[in-house]
Amino acid sequence: MLGTRTKVLADVNVPYFNRTWEHFCSHAHTPSSGRKGYPGVTQNGKAIYFAHPIFEQYNKRAPRWCKQLVLNALEILLPEPLVRLDAPSSTLATLNLQKAQKRAVLHLLHYISERRGTEFDIIEDVIPIYNVKVSVRAPGTVKAVTRVPEGEPLEFAESAGRIEFVLPRLEGHQMIELKL
């Protein structure tokens, strides 16, 4: 039974039949009957609950829908993230506030690891990405945005408490200083 403060974010549709020795479907799961079965994703305050082991499913088979459900849940719980990127999901971002230097430093990494050996993943090729749109929740008034250590200034705009700019090229790693 759901509490009065619990919202259903997604329902689970029941299959045409349960897969048993009497009933078989050639895929891992029987197709949906289209009938609503029970809540699959719920929210109560700052907690979102998945009825199924979604992280285990993603770890085993990496279906995109699992990743999208988690991203949707994060967007609900954190509507104004510190950093937003318009970049491939293989891009990592870290923002370090350095109060003494009156700046924030954004580190962007884009490396795609590959399983080329049997024991570990490696990074062999650096694949650049272009025109990366970046939005940072401003930690204060930003006076300048600069690629470092190159010293190249980047044009930026402030909108609704966020600093927005485009990084022309990200080749592996790039630091960007937001001067406060």
N, C-alpha and C. Protein backbone atom coordinates (compact mmCIF):
# COMPACT_ATOMS: atom_id res chain seq x y z
N MET A 1 0.84 -1.18 0.00
CA MET A 1 0.00 0.00 0.00
C MET A 1 0.89 1.24 0.00
N LEU A 2 0.60 2.19 -0.87
CA LEU A 2 1.38 3.41 -0.96
C LEU A 2 0.87 4.44 0.04
N GLY A 3 1.83 5.16 0.63
CA GLY A 3 1.46 6.24 1.54
C GLY A 3 0.87 7.41 0.77
N THR A 4 0.27 8.34 1.50
CA THR A 4 -0.39 9.48 0.85
C THR A 4 0.60 10.42 0.19
N ARG A 5 1.86 10.44 0.66
CA ARG A 5 2.87 11.33 0.07
C ARG A 5 3.64 10.65 -1.06
N THR A 6 3.39 9.38 -1.31
CA THR A 6 4.13 8.65 -2.34
C THR A 6 3.47 8.84 -3.70
N LYS A 7 4.30 9.22 -4.69
CA LYS A 7 3.83 9.38 -6.07
C LYS A 7 4.34 8.22 -6.90
N VAL A 8 3.51 7.73 -7.78
CA VAL A 8 3.94 6.70 -8.73
C VAL A 8 4.52 7.42 -9.95
N LEU A 9 5.79 7.16 -10.25
CA LEU A 9 6.44 7.78 -11.40
C LEU A 9 6.35 6.90 -12.64
N ALA A 10 6.30 5.58 -12.43
CA ALA A 10 6.18 4.65 -13.57
C ALA A 10 5.54 3.35 -13.08
N ASP A 11 4.67 2.82 -13.90
CA ASP A 11 4.03 1.54 -13.59
C ASP A 11 4.72 0.42 -14.35
N VAL A 12 4.53 -0.79 -13.88
CA VAL A 12 5.02 -1.97 -14.57
C VAL A 12 3.83 -2.61 -15.27
N ASN A 13 3.97 -2.88 -16.54
CA ASN A 13 2.93 -3.61 -17.27
C ASN A 13 3.17 -5.10 -17.10
N VAL A 14 2.11 -5.85 -16.93
CA VAL A 14 2.24 -7.30 -16.74
C VAL A 14 2.40 -7.98 -18.10
N PRO A 15 3.13 -9.09 -18.15
CA PRO A 15 3.33 -9.80 -19.41
C PRO A 15 2.08 -10.59 -19.80
N TYR A 16 2.04 -11.06 -21.04
CA TYR A 16 0.92 -11.90 -21.49
C TYR A 16 0.80 -13.14 -20.62
N PHE A 17 1.93 -13.70 -20.22
CA PHE A 17 1.95 -14.86 -19.33
C PHE A 17 3.30 -14.91 -18.64
N ASN A 18 3.36 -15.57 -17.52
CA ASN A 18 4.63 -15.77 -16.83
C ASN A 18 5.38 -16.90 -17.50
N ARG A 19 6.66 -16.74 -17.63
CA ARG A 19 7.50 -17.74 -18.29
C ARG A 19 7.72 -18.92 -17.33
N THR A 20 7.20 -20.06 -17.69
CA THR A 20 7.35 -21.28 -16.89
C THR A 20 7.64 -22.43 -17.85
N TRP A 21 7.70 -23.65 -17.33
CA TRP A 21 7.93 -24.81 -18.20
C TRP A 21 6.75 -25.02 -19.15
N GLU A 22 5.56 -24.49 -18.78
CA GLU A 22 4.38 -24.63 -19.63
C GLU A 22 4.28 -23.54 -20.70
N HIS A 23 4.86 -22.37 -20.40
CA HIS A 23 4.78 -21.23 -21.31
C HIS A 23 6.18 -20.72 -21.58
N PHE A 24 6.51 -20.55 -22.87
CA PHE A 24 7.85 -20.13 -23.22
C PHE A 24 7.78 -19.05 -24.30
N CYS A 25 8.69 -18.11 -24.19
CA CYS A 25 8.85 -17.08 -25.21
C CYS A 25 10.33 -17.07 -25.55
N SER A 26 10.69 -16.84 -26.78
CA SER A 26 12.08 -16.98 -27.21
C SER A 26 13.01 -15.90 -26.66
N HIS A 27 12.49 -14.86 -26.07
CA HIS A 27 13.32 -13.81 -25.50
C HIS A 27 13.38 -13.98 -23.99
N ALA A 28 14.14 -13.17 -23.32
CA ALA A 28 14.28 -13.27 -21.87
C ALA A 28 12.97 -13.00 -21.15
N HIS A 29 12.12 -12.17 -21.74
CA HIS A 29 10.84 -11.84 -21.11
C HIS A 29 9.71 -11.91 -22.12
N THR A 30 8.55 -12.26 -21.63
CA THR A 30 7.35 -12.30 -22.46
C THR A 30 6.92 -10.86 -22.76
N PRO A 31 6.42 -10.59 -23.96
CA PRO A 31 5.97 -9.23 -24.29
C PRO A 31 4.88 -8.73 -23.35
N SER A 32 4.76 -7.44 -23.26
CA SER A 32 3.78 -6.79 -22.40
C SER A 32 2.36 -7.04 -22.90
N SER A 33 1.46 -7.21 -21.93
CA SER A 33 0.04 -7.34 -22.26
C SER A 33 -0.60 -5.97 -22.44
N GLY A 34 0.11 -4.92 -22.01
CA GLY A 34 -0.43 -3.57 -22.06
C GLY A 34 -1.24 -3.22 -20.83
N ARG A 35 -1.43 -4.18 -19.91
CA ARG A 35 -2.19 -3.95 -18.69
C ARG A 35 -1.25 -3.51 -17.57
N LYS A 36 -1.67 -2.50 -16.82
CA LYS A 36 -0.91 -1.99 -15.69
C LYS A 36 -0.92 -3.04 -14.58
N GLY A 37 0.27 -3.27 -13.99
CA GLY A 37 0.36 -4.27 -12.94
C GLY A 37 0.54 -3.69 -11.56
N TYR A 38 1.62 -2.96 -11.36
CA TYR A 38 1.95 -2.41 -10.05
C TYR A 38 2.96 -1.28 -10.24
N PRO A 39 3.16 -0.44 -9.21
CA PRO A 39 4.13 0.65 -9.33
C PRO A 39 5.55 0.11 -9.51
N GLY A 40 6.24 0.64 -10.50
CA GLY A 40 7.63 0.23 -10.76
C GLY A 40 8.63 1.22 -10.23
N VAL A 41 8.28 2.51 -10.25
CA VAL A 41 9.15 3.57 -9.72
C VAL A 41 8.27 4.52 -8.92
N THR A 42 8.65 4.76 -7.67
CA THR A 42 7.86 5.66 -6.82
C THR A 42 8.77 6.70 -6.19
N GLN A 43 8.14 7.81 -5.78
CA GLN A 43 8.87 8.89 -5.10
C GLN A 43 8.13 9.27 -3.84
N ASN A 44 8.89 9.42 -2.77
CA ASN A 44 8.35 9.94 -1.52
C ASN A 44 9.37 10.96 -1.03
N GLY A 45 9.04 12.24 -1.17
CA GLY A 45 9.97 13.29 -0.77
C GLY A 45 11.24 13.25 -1.60
N LYS A 46 12.38 13.14 -0.92
CA LYS A 46 13.68 13.14 -1.61
C LYS A 46 14.20 11.74 -1.88
N ALA A 47 13.32 10.76 -1.88
CA ALA A 47 13.71 9.38 -2.16
C ALA A 47 12.92 8.84 -3.35
N ILE A 48 13.62 8.19 -4.25
CA ILE A 48 12.99 7.52 -5.38
C ILE A 48 13.35 6.04 -5.27
N TYR A 49 12.32 5.19 -5.39
CA TYR A 49 12.48 3.76 -5.21
C TYR A 49 12.17 3.04 -6.53
N PHE A 50 13.08 2.14 -6.92
CA PHE A 50 12.87 1.29 -8.08
C PHE A 50 12.49 -0.10 -7.57
N ALA A 51 11.39 -0.66 -8.07
CA ALA A 51 10.90 -1.95 -7.61
C ALA A 51 11.80 -3.11 -8.07
N HIS A 52 12.60 -2.88 -9.08
CA HIS A 52 13.46 -3.93 -9.63
C HIS A 52 14.93 -3.55 -9.45
N PRO A 53 15.82 -4.52 -9.51
CA PRO A 53 17.26 -4.24 -9.33
C PRO A 53 17.87 -3.57 -10.57
N ILE A 54 17.55 -2.30 -10.73
CA ILE A 54 17.90 -1.58 -11.96
C ILE A 54 19.41 -1.46 -12.17
N PHE A 55 20.17 -1.28 -11.08
CA PHE A 55 21.62 -1.15 -11.22
C PHE A 55 22.25 -2.49 -11.59
N GLU A 56 21.72 -3.56 -11.06
CA GLU A 56 22.20 -4.90 -11.43
C GLU A 56 21.89 -5.18 -12.90
N GLN A 57 20.69 -4.82 -13.33
CA GLN A 57 20.31 -5.00 -14.73
C GLN A 57 21.27 -4.23 -15.63
N TYR A 58 21.57 -2.99 -15.27
CA TYR A 58 22.46 -2.18 -16.11
C TYR A 58 23.88 -2.76 -16.09
N ASN A 59 24.32 -3.23 -14.95
CA ASN A 59 25.66 -3.81 -14.84
C ASN A 59 25.80 -5.05 -15.72
N LYS A 60 24.76 -5.85 -15.82
CA LYS A 60 24.83 -7.09 -16.60
C LYS A 60 24.70 -6.86 -18.10
N ARG A 61 23.74 -6.04 -18.51
CA ARG A 61 23.42 -5.93 -19.93
C ARG A 61 23.43 -4.51 -20.50
N ALA A 62 23.53 -3.52 -19.65
CA ALA A 62 23.60 -2.11 -20.05
C ALA A 62 22.47 -1.65 -20.96
N PRO A 63 21.20 -1.99 -20.65
CA PRO A 63 20.12 -1.46 -21.51
C PRO A 63 19.96 0.04 -21.28
N ARG A 64 19.81 0.76 -22.37
CA ARG A 64 19.72 2.22 -22.30
C ARG A 64 18.55 2.67 -21.43
N TRP A 65 17.45 1.94 -21.41
CA TRP A 65 16.28 2.36 -20.64
C TRP A 65 16.58 2.40 -19.15
N CYS A 66 17.45 1.53 -18.66
CA CYS A 66 17.83 1.57 -17.23
C CYS A 66 18.57 2.87 -16.93
N LYS A 67 19.51 3.20 -17.79
CA LYS A 67 20.28 4.43 -17.62
C LYS A 67 19.35 5.64 -17.68
N GLN A 68 18.40 5.63 -18.60
CA GLN A 68 17.50 6.76 -18.74
C GLN A 68 16.59 6.92 -17.53
N LEU A 69 16.13 5.81 -16.95
CA LEU A 69 15.31 5.89 -15.74
C LEU A 69 16.09 6.53 -14.59
N VAL A 70 17.35 6.15 -14.43
CA VAL A 70 18.18 6.74 -13.36
C VAL A 70 18.43 8.21 -13.63
N LEU A 71 18.73 8.57 -14.89
CA LEU A 71 18.93 9.98 -15.23
C LEU A 71 17.67 10.80 -14.97
N ASN A 72 16.50 10.24 -15.30
CA ASN A 72 15.23 10.93 -15.03
C ASN A 72 15.04 11.13 -13.53
N ALA A 73 15.36 10.12 -12.74
CA ALA A 73 15.22 10.22 -11.28
C ALA A 73 16.16 11.30 -10.74
N LEU A 74 17.40 11.34 -11.24
CA LEU A 74 18.35 12.35 -10.79
C LEU A 74 17.87 13.76 -11.14
N GLU A 75 17.27 13.91 -12.31
CA GLU A 75 16.77 15.22 -12.72
C GLU A 75 15.63 15.68 -11.80
N ILE A 76 14.81 14.74 -11.35
CA ILE A 76 13.72 15.07 -10.42
C ILE A 76 14.30 15.50 -9.08
N LEU A 77 15.29 14.74 -8.59
CA LEU A 77 15.86 15.01 -7.27
C LEU A 77 16.82 16.20 -7.27
N LEU A 78 17.47 16.46 -8.40
CA LEU A 78 18.45 17.53 -8.50
C LEU A 78 18.19 18.34 -9.77
N PRO A 79 17.15 19.19 -9.76
CA PRO A 79 16.78 19.91 -10.98
C PRO A 79 17.80 20.96 -11.42
N GLU A 80 18.63 21.44 -10.50
CA GLU A 80 19.65 22.43 -10.85
C GLU A 80 21.03 21.87 -10.49
N PRO A 81 21.55 20.96 -11.30
CA PRO A 81 22.86 20.38 -10.99
C PRO A 81 23.96 21.43 -11.10
N LEU A 82 25.07 21.15 -10.47
CA LEU A 82 26.20 22.07 -10.48
C LEU A 82 26.70 22.29 -11.91
N VAL A 83 26.80 21.21 -12.69
CA VAL A 83 27.31 21.30 -14.06
C VAL A 83 26.37 20.54 -14.99
N ARG A 84 26.08 21.14 -16.13
CA ARG A 84 25.35 20.47 -17.21
C ARG A 84 26.24 20.49 -18.45
N LEU A 85 26.30 19.38 -19.16
CA LEU A 85 27.09 19.30 -20.39
C LEU A 85 26.23 18.79 -21.53
N ASP A 86 26.45 19.34 -22.70
CA ASP A 86 25.87 18.78 -23.91
C ASP A 86 27.03 18.04 -24.58
N ALA A 87 27.26 16.81 -24.10
CA ALA A 87 28.41 16.03 -24.53
C ALA A 87 28.07 14.55 -24.38
N PRO A 88 28.86 13.68 -25.00
CA PRO A 88 28.62 12.24 -24.83
C PRO A 88 28.68 11.84 -23.36
N SER A 89 27.98 10.75 -23.02
CA SER A 89 27.95 10.30 -21.63
C SER A 89 29.31 9.80 -21.15
N SER A 90 30.26 9.64 -22.05
CA SER A 90 31.62 9.26 -21.67
C SER A 90 32.43 10.46 -21.16
N THR A 91 31.82 11.64 -21.10
CA THR A 91 32.49 12.85 -20.62
C THR A 91 32.27 13.00 -19.11
N LEU A 92 33.34 13.25 -18.39
CA LEU A 92 33.28 13.47 -16.94
C LEU A 92 33.58 14.92 -16.64
N ALA A 93 32.92 15.45 -15.61
CA ALA A 93 33.12 16.84 -15.20
C ALA A 93 33.32 16.91 -13.70
N THR A 94 34.28 17.74 -13.28
CA THR A 94 34.52 18.00 -11.86
C THR A 94 34.73 19.50 -11.70
N LEU A 95 34.04 20.10 -10.73
CA LEU A 95 34.19 21.53 -10.47
C LEU A 95 34.82 21.71 -9.10
N ASN A 96 35.95 22.39 -9.06
CA ASN A 96 36.66 22.65 -7.80
C ASN A 96 36.61 24.13 -7.49
N LEU A 97 36.06 24.48 -6.33
CA LEU A 97 36.02 25.87 -5.89
C LEU A 97 37.30 26.16 -5.11
N GLN A 98 38.04 27.18 -5.54
CA GLN A 98 39.28 27.60 -4.88
C GLN A 98 39.08 29.02 -4.37
N LYS A 99 38.56 29.12 -3.15
CA LYS A 99 38.18 30.42 -2.58
C LYS A 99 39.36 31.37 -2.46
N ALA A 100 40.50 30.86 -2.03
CA ALA A 100 41.68 31.73 -1.84
C ALA A 100 42.12 32.38 -3.16
N GLN A 101 41.96 31.66 -4.25
CA GLN A 101 42.35 32.20 -5.57
C GLN A 101 41.18 32.89 -6.27
N LYS A 102 40.02 32.92 -5.60
CA LYS A 102 38.81 33.54 -6.15
C LYS A 102 38.48 32.99 -7.54
N ARG A 103 38.38 31.67 -7.60
CA ARG A 103 38.06 31.02 -8.87
C ARG A 103 37.45 29.64 -8.63
N ALA A 104 36.81 29.16 -9.68
CA ALA A 104 36.37 27.77 -9.74
C ALA A 104 37.03 27.18 -10.97
N VAL A 105 37.51 25.95 -10.86
CA VAL A 105 38.18 25.29 -11.98
C VAL A 105 37.35 24.07 -12.38
N LEU A 106 36.92 24.07 -13.63
CA LEU A 106 36.16 22.96 -14.19
C LEU A 106 37.12 22.07 -14.95
N HIS A 107 37.15 20.79 -14.58
CA HIS A 107 37.94 19.79 -15.30
C HIS A 107 36.97 18.98 -16.14
N LEU A 108 37.25 18.87 -17.43
CA LEU A 108 36.46 18.02 -18.32
C LEU A 108 37.37 16.93 -18.87
N LEU A 109 36.89 15.70 -18.80
CA LEU A 109 37.64 14.55 -19.32
C LEU A 109 36.77 13.82 -20.33
N HIS A 110 37.37 13.47 -21.47
CA HIS A 110 36.67 12.64 -22.44
C HIS A 110 37.64 11.60 -22.99
N TYR A 111 37.62 10.44 -22.36
CA TYR A 111 38.40 9.29 -22.79
C TYR A 111 37.46 8.10 -22.83
N ILE A 112 37.58 7.29 -23.84
CA ILE A 112 36.73 6.10 -23.95
C ILE A 112 37.62 4.88 -23.74
N SER A 113 37.40 4.20 -22.63
CA SER A 113 38.19 3.00 -22.36
C SER A 113 37.61 1.83 -23.14
N GLU A 114 38.49 0.90 -23.50
CA GLU A 114 38.09 -0.27 -24.28
C GLU A 114 38.67 -1.52 -23.65
N ARG A 115 37.96 -2.62 -23.77
CA ARG A 115 38.45 -3.91 -23.30
C ARG A 115 39.21 -4.54 -24.47
N ARG A 116 40.53 -4.38 -24.47
CA ARG A 116 41.36 -4.96 -25.53
C ARG A 116 42.17 -6.14 -25.01
N GLY A 117 42.28 -6.24 -23.70
CA GLY A 117 42.93 -7.39 -23.08
C GLY A 117 41.90 -8.10 -22.22
N THR A 118 42.28 -9.19 -21.62
CA THR A 118 41.31 -9.96 -20.83
C THR A 118 41.20 -9.49 -19.40
N GLU A 119 42.14 -8.66 -18.92
CA GLU A 119 42.15 -8.32 -17.50
C GLU A 119 41.73 -6.89 -17.17
N PHE A 120 41.88 -5.95 -18.09
CA PHE A 120 41.51 -4.57 -17.75
C PHE A 120 41.25 -3.76 -19.01
N ASP A 121 40.64 -2.60 -18.81
CA ASP A 121 40.33 -1.69 -19.90
C ASP A 121 41.49 -0.71 -20.09
N ILE A 122 41.68 -0.27 -21.33
CA ILE A 122 42.74 0.69 -21.62
C ILE A 122 42.17 1.86 -22.42
N ILE A 123 42.95 2.95 -22.44
CA ILE A 123 42.63 4.09 -23.30
C ILE A 123 43.76 4.16 -24.30
N GLU A 124 43.44 3.87 -25.55
CA GLU A 124 44.46 3.85 -26.58
C GLU A 124 44.34 5.04 -27.52
N ASP A 125 43.10 5.40 -27.83
CA ASP A 125 42.86 6.50 -28.77
C ASP A 125 42.15 7.64 -28.06
N VAL A 126 42.60 8.85 -28.29
CA VAL A 126 41.92 10.03 -27.77
C VAL A 126 41.06 10.59 -28.90
N ILE A 127 39.76 10.63 -28.67
CA ILE A 127 38.82 11.07 -29.70
C ILE A 127 38.27 12.43 -29.28
N PRO A 128 38.63 13.50 -30.01
CA PRO A 128 38.16 14.83 -29.63
C PRO A 128 36.66 15.00 -29.88
N ILE A 129 36.06 15.86 -29.08
CA ILE A 129 34.67 16.27 -29.33
C ILE A 129 34.66 17.79 -29.47
N TYR A 130 33.70 18.31 -30.20
CA TYR A 130 33.69 19.72 -30.56
C TYR A 130 32.42 20.42 -30.10
N ASN A 131 32.55 21.72 -29.85
CA ASN A 131 31.43 22.60 -29.51
C ASN A 131 30.62 22.05 -28.34
N VAL A 132 31.30 21.80 -27.23
CA VAL A 132 30.68 21.27 -26.03
C VAL A 132 30.00 22.42 -25.29
N LYS A 133 28.67 22.34 -25.18
CA LYS A 133 27.93 23.37 -24.45
C LYS A 133 28.02 23.05 -22.97
N VAL A 134 28.40 24.06 -22.17
CA VAL A 134 28.60 23.90 -20.74
C VAL A 134 27.74 24.92 -20.00
N SER A 135 27.12 24.47 -18.93
CA SER A 135 26.34 25.34 -18.06
C SER A 135 26.74 25.03 -16.62
N VAL A 136 27.18 26.06 -15.89
CA VAL A 136 27.66 25.88 -14.52
C VAL A 136 26.82 26.76 -13.60
N ARG A 137 26.32 26.15 -12.52
CA ARG A 137 25.62 26.96 -11.51
C ARG A 137 26.68 27.84 -10.86
N ALA A 138 26.57 29.12 -11.06
CA ALA A 138 27.62 30.06 -10.65
C ALA A 138 27.81 30.09 -9.14
N PRO A 139 29.05 29.90 -8.68
CA PRO A 139 29.34 29.99 -7.25
C PRO A 139 29.52 31.43 -6.78
N GLY A 140 29.22 32.39 -7.61
CA GLY A 140 29.38 33.82 -7.33
C GLY A 140 29.35 34.56 -8.64
N THR A 141 29.70 35.85 -8.61
CA THR A 141 29.76 36.63 -9.84
C THR A 141 30.99 36.23 -10.63
N VAL A 142 30.81 35.81 -11.87
CA VAL A 142 31.92 35.37 -12.72
C VAL A 142 32.36 36.53 -13.60
N LYS A 143 33.66 36.83 -13.53
CA LYS A 143 34.23 37.94 -14.31
C LYS A 143 34.80 37.48 -15.64
N ALA A 144 35.32 36.24 -15.69
CA ALA A 144 35.94 35.73 -16.91
C ALA A 144 35.90 34.21 -16.91
N VAL A 145 35.88 33.64 -18.12
CA VAL A 145 35.96 32.19 -18.32
C VAL A 145 37.13 31.96 -19.26
N THR A 146 38.10 31.14 -18.82
CA THR A 146 39.35 30.99 -19.56
C THR A 146 39.78 29.54 -19.62
N ARG A 147 40.21 29.10 -20.81
CA ARG A 147 40.84 27.77 -20.93
C ARG A 147 42.22 27.87 -20.31
N VAL A 148 42.54 26.93 -19.43
CA VAL A 148 43.87 26.91 -18.83
C VAL A 148 44.49 25.54 -19.05
N PRO A 149 45.79 25.48 -19.27
CA PRO A 149 46.79 26.54 -19.12
C PRO A 149 46.96 27.41 -20.36
N GLU A 150 46.14 27.21 -21.40
CA GLU A 150 46.32 27.97 -22.65
C GLU A 150 46.14 29.46 -22.48
N GLY A 151 45.34 29.88 -21.50
CA GLY A 151 45.08 31.30 -21.31
C GLY A 151 44.10 31.87 -22.32
N GLU A 152 43.36 31.02 -23.01
CA GLU A 152 42.42 31.46 -24.04
C GLU A 152 41.08 31.81 -23.41
N PRO A 153 40.65 33.07 -23.53
CA PRO A 153 39.34 33.44 -22.98
C PRO A 153 38.20 32.84 -23.80
N LEU A 154 37.11 32.51 -23.11
CA LEU A 154 35.92 31.99 -23.76
C LEU A 154 34.78 32.96 -23.52
N GLU A 155 33.98 33.19 -24.56
CA GLU A 155 32.80 34.03 -24.40
C GLU A 155 31.81 33.28 -23.53
N PHE A 156 31.12 34.01 -22.64
CA PHE A 156 30.14 33.38 -21.76
C PHE A 156 28.98 34.32 -21.53
N ALA A 157 27.90 33.73 -21.06
CA ALA A 157 26.71 34.50 -20.71
C ALA A 157 26.19 34.00 -19.38
N GLU A 158 25.55 34.91 -18.65
CA GLU A 158 24.94 34.55 -17.38
C GLU A 158 23.44 34.51 -17.59
N SER A 159 22.81 33.41 -17.14
CA SER A 159 21.37 33.28 -17.30
C SER A 159 20.81 32.49 -16.13
N ALA A 160 19.93 33.12 -15.37
CA ALA A 160 19.24 32.47 -14.24
C ALA A 160 20.21 31.83 -13.26
N GLY A 161 21.29 32.56 -12.94
CA GLY A 161 22.25 32.06 -11.95
C GLY A 161 23.22 31.04 -12.49
N ARG A 162 23.23 30.86 -13.81
CA ARG A 162 24.14 29.90 -14.43
C ARG A 162 25.05 30.61 -15.43
N ILE A 163 26.27 30.12 -15.54
CA ILE A 163 27.22 30.61 -16.54
C ILE A 163 27.20 29.61 -17.69
N GLU A 164 27.01 30.12 -18.89
CA GLU A 164 26.92 29.25 -20.06
C GLU A 164 27.96 29.65 -21.09
N PHE A 165 28.64 28.65 -21.64
CA PHE A 165 29.65 28.90 -22.67
C PHE A 165 29.81 27.64 -23.51
N VAL A 166 30.55 27.77 -24.61
CA VAL A 166 30.82 26.65 -25.51
C VAL A 166 32.33 26.44 -25.55
N LEU A 167 32.74 25.22 -25.26
CA LEU A 167 34.15 24.85 -25.41
C LEU A 167 34.33 24.36 -26.84
N PRO A 168 35.17 25.04 -27.65
CA PRO A 168 35.29 24.67 -29.06
C PRO A 168 35.80 23.24 -29.29
N ARG A 169 36.74 22.77 -28.44
CA ARG A 169 37.34 21.44 -28.65
C ARG A 169 37.75 20.86 -27.31
N LEU A 170 37.37 19.63 -27.08
CA LEU A 170 37.81 18.88 -25.90
C LEU A 170 38.54 17.65 -26.41
N GLU A 171 39.84 17.64 -26.17
CA GLU A 171 40.67 16.52 -26.61
C GLU A 171 41.30 15.87 -25.39
N GLY A 172 40.57 14.93 -24.82
CA GLY A 172 41.04 14.22 -23.63
C GLY A 172 40.73 14.96 -22.35
N HIS A 173 41.50 16.02 -22.04
CA HIS A 173 41.33 16.76 -20.78
C HIS A 173 41.41 18.25 -21.06
N GLN A 174 40.55 19.00 -20.38
CA GLN A 174 40.62 20.46 -20.47
C GLN A 174 40.22 21.05 -19.12
N MET A 175 41.00 22.04 -18.68
CA MET A 175 40.65 22.82 -17.49
C MET A 175 40.10 24.16 -17.95
N ILE A 176 39.07 24.63 -17.23
CA ILE A 176 38.46 25.92 -17.54
C ILE A 176 38.33 26.68 -16.21
N GLU A 177 38.90 27.88 -16.19
CA GLU A 177 38.83 28.71 -14.98
C GLU A 177 37.66 29.66 -15.08
N LEU A 178 36.87 29.69 -14.01
CA LEU A 178 35.82 30.69 -13.86
C LEU A 178 36.32 31.66 -12.82
N LYS A 179 36.75 32.85 -13.24
CA LYS A 179 37.30 33.86 -12.34
C LYS A 179 36.16 34.56 -11.63
N LEU A 180 36.23 34.56 -10.29
CA LEU A 180 35.16 35.14 -9.46
C LEU A 180 35.54 36.54 -9.02
